Amino acid sequence: MAEESKEKKEQSKNSTFELLSWAQQGQEVTVRDDQYEFLQLLDGIQLCRQKGGRFRLIDSGNLDSFSLEWLGKVGADVYTSSSARKNLQELTFINKGCQKGKALLGFFHQLEGKEEPKEEGWSWADLMNLGGEGVYIYLVSGKEESDFSSIISLAGECQRGGSWLVYYHHGSVDSQLVNLAENGAWIHVSDQIIQEDNDYRVLLDTVKSAQSAGAGVVFHMEKGLEFSKLLDLSKAGASIMLKPSLMDLRYPFEKIADKARKKKLDYRAYYLYSHFFPGVF
């Protein structure tokens, strides 16, 4: 038993050293809440923020809301989801801690279509409340047609609350994307939804509207797109995200690829990772 206890202490010491060495660099640190003990996380967050970095804590449901509120208060950006947290009041409480620590609470949710967001009992009213409280909402469209009226309203609530709506769009191109962009939402789309020239024109208008509203469009290129169209999207202000297999594109795409490598998105404009484009499940 003594040997086992000694081994656990040594493992804890090593994991603490590992976390603090990352934090010491003053860059982005991303960990799950079940990877370290509470006090280890606390020390890591404080050091990371002192060094000018951001500490992103993924909520898996391992810690209670009081612990997450405290970690948010010392500067952790908390990333949670409708599957990890099921209580509106808990999230409101955690968000207050994050706001005190000049951090953010990001809430990820998958829509099912035009119906109410039914996962774990969440409703549009709940999402509106979160947006109005300043929670950053990361919304993924479902397999069916999206309820753009509610999504646009949610974007407005996020703006009023001082946060953003970040929307990952699947399915066909819809002219309502332009209206959503006008209301300050950040929109992620893939080149796979472009089926005809009118789709491209709608997306180009969406990029321009987002720029005017102080938001943006993130264009994930997965299969490739005609160079002239990709160039127009880039010039209009779209952030181009290339799959690793496309990063070695040759002329004339190489300049766009080089720009994509260098451009750094605002950390609030995506859920955890800029190249992440969640599928429909």
Protein backbone atom coordinates (compact mmCIF):
# COMPACT_ATOMS: atom_id res chain seq x y z
CA MET A 1 0.00 0.00 0.00
CA ALA A 2 2.86 2.37 0.83
CA GLU A 3 4.44 1.73 -2.58
CA GLU A 4 1.10 2.34 -4.32
CA SER A 5 0.60 5.61 -2.43
CA LYS A 6 4.14 6.71 -3.31
CA GLU A 7 3.53 5.91 -6.99
CA LYS A 8 0.32 7.96 -7.05
CA LYS A 9 2.11 10.91 -5.46
CA GLU A 10 4.87 10.66 -8.06
CA GLN A 11 2.32 10.56 -10.90
CA SER A 12 0.55 13.60 -9.46
CA LYS A 13 3.87 15.45 -9.18
CA ASN A 14 4.75 14.65 -12.78
CA SER A 15 1.35 15.69 -14.12
CA THR A 16 1.55 18.95 -12.17
CA PHE A 17 4.99 19.67 -13.63
CA GLU A 18 3.69 18.89 -17.13
CA LEU A 19 0.73 21.25 -16.78
CA LEU A 20 2.78 24.08 -15.29
CA SER A 21 5.43 23.76 -18.01
CA TRP A 22 2.71 24.28 -20.64
CA ALA A 23 1.26 27.21 -18.72
CA GLN A 24 4.71 28.77 -18.31
CA GLN A 25 4.95 29.23 -22.09
CA GLY A 26 2.14 31.80 -22.08
CA GLN A 27 0.33 30.24 -25.00
CA GLU A 28 -2.93 28.30 -25.35
CA VAL A 29 -3.43 25.38 -23.01
CA THR A 30 -6.35 23.00 -23.62
CA VAL A 31 -7.21 20.23 -21.14
CA ARG A 32 -10.24 18.28 -19.95
CA ASP A 33 -11.49 18.71 -16.42
CA ASP A 34 -10.86 15.01 -15.67
CA GLN A 35 -7.16 15.07 -16.59
CA TYR A 36 -5.96 16.89 -13.47
CA GLU A 37 -6.97 17.52 -9.88
CA PHE A 38 -8.76 20.76 -9.02
CA LEU A 39 -5.73 22.37 -7.32
CA GLN A 40 -3.49 21.41 -10.25
CA LEU A 41 -5.93 23.12 -12.62
CA LEU A 42 -6.09 26.16 -10.36
CA ASP A 43 -2.31 26.61 -10.35
CA GLY A 44 -2.06 26.00 -14.09
CA ILE A 45 -4.77 28.53 -14.92
CA GLN A 46 -3.27 31.24 -12.74
CA LEU A 47 0.21 30.77 -14.20
CA CYS A 48 -1.06 30.62 -17.78
CA ARG A 49 -3.00 33.87 -17.43
CA GLN A 50 -0.09 35.59 -15.67
CA LYS A 51 2.08 34.71 -18.68
CA GLY A 52 -0.49 36.13 -21.11
CA GLY A 53 -1.88 32.84 -22.39
CA ARG A 54 -5.40 31.43 -22.49
CA PHE A 55 -6.39 28.33 -20.58
CA ARG A 56 -9.22 26.37 -22.20
CA LEU A 57 -10.94 23.90 -19.90
CA ILE A 58 -13.21 21.28 -21.49
CA ASP A 59 -16.12 20.41 -19.23
CA SER A 60 -16.87 16.68 -19.26
CA GLY A 61 -19.17 16.85 -16.24
CA ASN A 62 -16.42 15.71 -13.86
CA LEU A 63 -16.47 18.88 -11.72
CA ASP A 64 -19.43 20.49 -10.01
CA SER A 65 -20.64 23.96 -10.96
CA PHE A 66 -19.02 25.58 -7.90
CA SER A 67 -15.59 24.27 -8.95
CA LEU A 68 -16.05 25.43 -12.53
CA GLU A 69 -17.26 28.84 -11.36
CA TRP A 70 -14.09 29.19 -9.27
CA LEU A 71 -11.82 28.12 -12.13
CA GLY A 72 -13.60 30.58 -14.42
CA LYS A 73 -13.08 33.30 -11.84
CA VAL A 74 -9.30 32.82 -11.98
CA GLY A 75 -9.33 32.99 -15.77
CA ALA A 76 -10.25 29.65 -17.37
CA ASP A 77 -12.24 29.68 -20.58
CA VAL A 78 -14.79 26.94 -19.91
CA TYR A 79 -16.09 24.95 -22.89
CA THR A 80 -19.17 22.88 -22.18
CA SER A 81 -22.11 21.37 -24.07
CA SER A 82 -25.76 20.43 -23.73
CA SER A 83 -24.70 16.84 -23.05
CA ALA A 84 -22.21 17.74 -20.29
CA ARG A 85 -24.37 20.37 -18.53
CA LYS A 86 -28.13 19.98 -18.31
CA ASN A 87 -29.09 22.82 -15.98
CA LEU A 88 -29.60 26.43 -17.10
CA GLN A 89 -29.01 27.85 -13.61
CA GLU A 90 -25.69 26.01 -13.33
CA LEU A 91 -24.46 27.55 -16.56
CA THR A 92 -25.59 31.02 -15.52
CA PHE A 93 -23.64 30.57 -12.27
CA ILE A 94 -20.49 29.33 -14.06
CA ASN A 95 -20.73 32.19 -16.55
CA LYS A 96 -20.66 34.80 -13.80
CA GLY A 97 -17.37 33.35 -12.60
CA CYS A 98 -15.94 33.40 -16.12
CA GLN A 99 -16.99 37.02 -16.60
CA LYS A 100 -15.29 38.01 -13.34
CA GLY A 101 -12.13 36.29 -14.56
CA LYS A 102 -12.34 38.00 -17.98
CA ALA A 103 -12.80 34.56 -19.51
CA LEU A 104 -15.62 33.03 -21.55
CA LEU A 105 -18.14 30.26 -21.19
CA GLY A 106 -18.69 28.48 -24.51
CA PHE A 107 -21.78 26.29 -24.91
CA PHE A 108 -21.92 23.72 -27.74
CA HIS A 109 -25.30 22.48 -29.00
CA GLN A 110 -26.45 20.28 -31.88
CA LEU A 111 -29.80 21.16 -33.47
CA GLU A 112 -32.16 18.50 -34.78
CA GLY A 113 -33.97 20.62 -37.37
CA LYS A 114 -36.84 23.09 -37.15
CA GLU A 115 -38.12 21.50 -33.96
CA GLU A 116 -37.30 22.82 -30.53
CA PRO A 117 -33.71 21.88 -29.48
CA LYS A 118 -34.81 18.77 -27.57
CA GLU A 119 -31.47 17.31 -26.54
CA GLU A 120 -31.48 16.89 -22.77
CA GLY A 121 -34.58 19.10 -22.55
CA TRP A 122 -32.98 22.28 -23.93
CA SER A 123 -35.34 24.74 -25.60
CA TRP A 124 -34.92 27.85 -27.72
CA ALA A 125 -35.92 29.89 -24.67
CA ASP A 126 -33.03 28.35 -22.71
CA LEU A 127 -30.56 29.19 -25.47
CA MET A 128 -31.92 32.74 -25.67
CA ASN A 129 -31.41 33.13 -21.92
CA LEU A 130 -27.83 31.90 -22.18
CA GLY A 131 -27.08 34.27 -25.05
CA GLY A 132 -28.63 37.17 -23.15
CA GLU A 133 -26.41 36.36 -20.15
CA GLY A 134 -23.29 36.64 -22.30
CA VAL A 135 -22.61 32.95 -22.90
CA TYR A 136 -20.93 32.20 -26.24
CA ILE A 137 -23.20 29.81 -28.15
CA TYR A 138 -21.72 27.32 -30.64
CA LEU A 139 -24.60 25.92 -32.66
CA VAL A 140 -24.50 23.10 -35.22
CA SER A 141 -27.34 22.68 -37.71
CA GLY A 142 -29.12 19.34 -37.98
CA LYS A 143 -29.93 17.08 -40.90
CA GLU A 144 -33.18 18.92 -41.58
CA GLU A 145 -33.75 22.52 -42.67
CA SER A 146 -32.75 24.99 -39.98
CA ASP A 147 -35.13 27.30 -38.12
CA PHE A 148 -33.41 30.49 -39.22
CA SER A 149 -35.95 32.73 -37.53
CA SER A 150 -34.96 31.36 -34.11
CA ILE A 151 -31.25 31.26 -34.98
CA ILE A 152 -31.30 34.91 -36.07
CA SER A 153 -33.10 35.84 -32.83
CA LEU A 154 -30.46 33.95 -30.88
CA ALA A 155 -27.71 35.90 -32.65
CA GLY A 156 -29.41 39.11 -31.54
CA GLU A 157 -29.64 37.89 -27.94
CA CYS A 158 -25.94 37.03 -27.93
CA GLN A 159 -25.11 40.52 -29.21
CA ARG A 160 -27.24 42.11 -26.49
CA GLY A 161 -25.52 39.95 -23.89
CA GLY A 162 -22.06 40.90 -25.14
CA SER A 163 -21.22 37.47 -26.60
CA TRP A 164 -21.35 35.83 -30.03
CA LEU A 165 -23.35 33.18 -31.80
CA VAL A 166 -21.09 30.88 -33.82
CA TYR A 167 -23.09 28.77 -36.26
CA TYR A 168 -21.86 25.69 -38.14
CA HIS A 169 -24.11 25.22 -41.17
CA HIS A 170 -24.80 21.94 -42.95
CA GLY A 171 -27.25 21.25 -45.75
CA SER A 172 -28.07 23.47 -48.68
CA VAL A 173 -27.16 27.14 -49.02
CA ASP A 174 -29.99 29.34 -47.74
CA SER A 175 -30.42 33.05 -48.41
CA GLN A 176 -31.21 33.44 -44.70
CA LEU A 177 -27.49 33.05 -44.06
CA VAL A 178 -27.14 36.64 -45.24
CA ASN A 179 -29.67 37.82 -42.63
CA LEU A 180 -27.92 35.78 -39.96
CA ALA A 181 -24.61 37.41 -40.84
CA GLU A 182 -26.22 40.86 -40.70
CA ASN A 183 -27.18 40.08 -37.10
CA GLY A 184 -23.58 39.53 -36.06
CA ALA A 185 -23.26 35.74 -36.16
CA TRP A 186 -20.01 34.03 -37.05
CA ILE A 187 -20.80 31.39 -39.67
CA HIS A 188 -18.83 28.27 -40.59
CA VAL A 189 -19.57 26.58 -43.91
CA SER A 190 -17.93 23.91 -46.03
CA ASP A 191 -17.30 24.05 -49.77
CA GLN A 192 -19.34 20.84 -50.02
CA ILE A 193 -22.58 22.81 -49.79
CA ILE A 194 -21.83 24.73 -53.01
CA GLN A 195 -23.75 22.97 -55.76
CA GLU A 196 -24.41 25.81 -58.22
CA ASP A 197 -23.39 29.39 -59.00
CA ASN A 198 -26.24 30.90 -56.98
CA ASP A 199 -24.96 29.11 -53.86
CA TYR A 200 -21.61 30.81 -54.32
CA ARG A 201 -23.26 34.23 -54.79
CA VAL A 202 -25.26 33.81 -51.58
CA LEU A 203 -22.11 32.86 -49.67
CA LEU A 204 -20.24 35.85 -51.08
CA ASP A 205 -23.08 38.14 -49.91
CA THR A 206 -22.97 36.41 -46.53
CA VAL A 207 -19.24 37.14 -46.20
CA LYS A 208 -19.76 40.80 -47.06
CA SER A 209 -22.68 41.15 -44.63
CA ALA A 210 -20.70 39.50 -41.84
CA GLN A 211 -17.79 41.87 -42.39
CA SER A 212 -20.13 44.88 -42.23
CA ALA A 213 -21.60 43.56 -38.97
CA GLY A 214 -18.20 43.04 -37.34
CA ALA A 215 -18.45 39.25 -37.59
CA GLY A 216 -17.10 36.80 -40.16
CA VAL A 217 -17.44 33.66 -42.25
CA VAL A 218 -15.09 30.71 -41.91
CA PHE A 219 -14.92 28.74 -45.16
CA HIS A 220 -13.74 25.15 -44.71
CA MET A 221 -12.32 23.86 -47.99
CA GLU A 222 -12.50 20.08 -48.05
CA LYS A 223 -12.89 19.02 -51.67
CA GLY A 224 -11.59 22.07 -53.53
CA LEU A 225 -13.22 25.04 -55.24
CA GLU A 226 -12.68 26.97 -58.47
CA PHE A 227 -9.77 29.34 -57.86
CA SER A 228 -11.51 32.56 -58.94
CA LYS A 229 -14.41 31.91 -56.53
CA LEU A 230 -12.10 31.03 -53.66
CA LEU A 231 -10.08 34.17 -54.32
CA ASP A 232 -13.23 36.34 -54.29
CA LEU A 233 -14.32 34.84 -50.96
CA SER A 234 -10.87 35.47 -49.51
CA LYS A 235 -10.76 39.07 -50.78
CA ALA A 236 -14.24 39.71 -49.36
CA GLY A 237 -12.93 38.73 -45.92
CA ALA A 238 -13.71 35.04 -45.49
CA SER A 239 -11.26 33.05 -43.37
CA ILE A 240 -10.17 30.06 -45.46
CA MET A 241 -9.54 26.81 -43.57
CA LEU A 242 -7.81 24.09 -45.57
CA LYS A 243 -7.68 20.39 -44.80
CA PRO A 244 -4.09 19.26 -44.09
CA SER A 245 -4.12 17.35 -47.39
CA LEU A 246 -4.81 20.63 -49.23
CA MET A 247 -2.18 22.76 -47.50
CA ASP A 248 0.44 21.93 -50.16
CA LEU A 249 -1.60 23.30 -53.04
CA ARG A 250 0.46 24.66 -55.91
CA TYR A 251 0.04 27.80 -57.99
CA PRO A 252 -2.34 29.59 -58.25
CA PHE A 253 -3.74 28.28 -54.92
CA GLU A 254 -0.47 28.54 -53.02
CA LYS A 255 -0.95 32.22 -52.09
CA ILE A 256 -4.36 31.49 -50.57
CA ALA A 257 -2.90 28.46 -48.80
CA ASP A 258 -0.07 30.62 -47.43
CA LYS A 259 -2.54 33.25 -46.22
CA ALA A 260 -4.61 30.52 -44.54
CA ARG A 261 -1.53 29.27 -42.69
CA LYS A 262 -0.71 32.74 -41.35
CA LYS A 263 -4.17 34.05 -40.52
CA LYS A 264 -5.11 33.67 -36.87
CA LEU A 265 -8.81 33.65 -36.09
CA ASP A 266 -10.19 35.29 -32.99
CA TYR A 267 -10.33 32.51 -30.38
CA ARG A 268 -14.02 33.22 -29.80
CA ALA A 269 -14.95 32.51 -33.44
CA TYR A 270 -14.70 28.72 -33.15
CA TYR A 271 -15.29 25.93 -30.67
CA LEU A 272 -11.87 24.92 -29.31
CA TYR A 273 -10.13 24.38 -32.67
CA SER A 274 -10.33 26.61 -35.74
CA HIS A 275 -10.20 23.71 -38.23
CA PHE A 276 -12.92 21.79 -36.39
CA PHE A 277 -16.06 21.44 -38.51
CA PRO A 278 -18.49 19.19 -36.60
CA GLY A 279 -20.56 16.70 -38.52
CA VAL A 280 -24.25 16.04 -38.14
CA PHE A 281 -25.09 13.35 -35.61
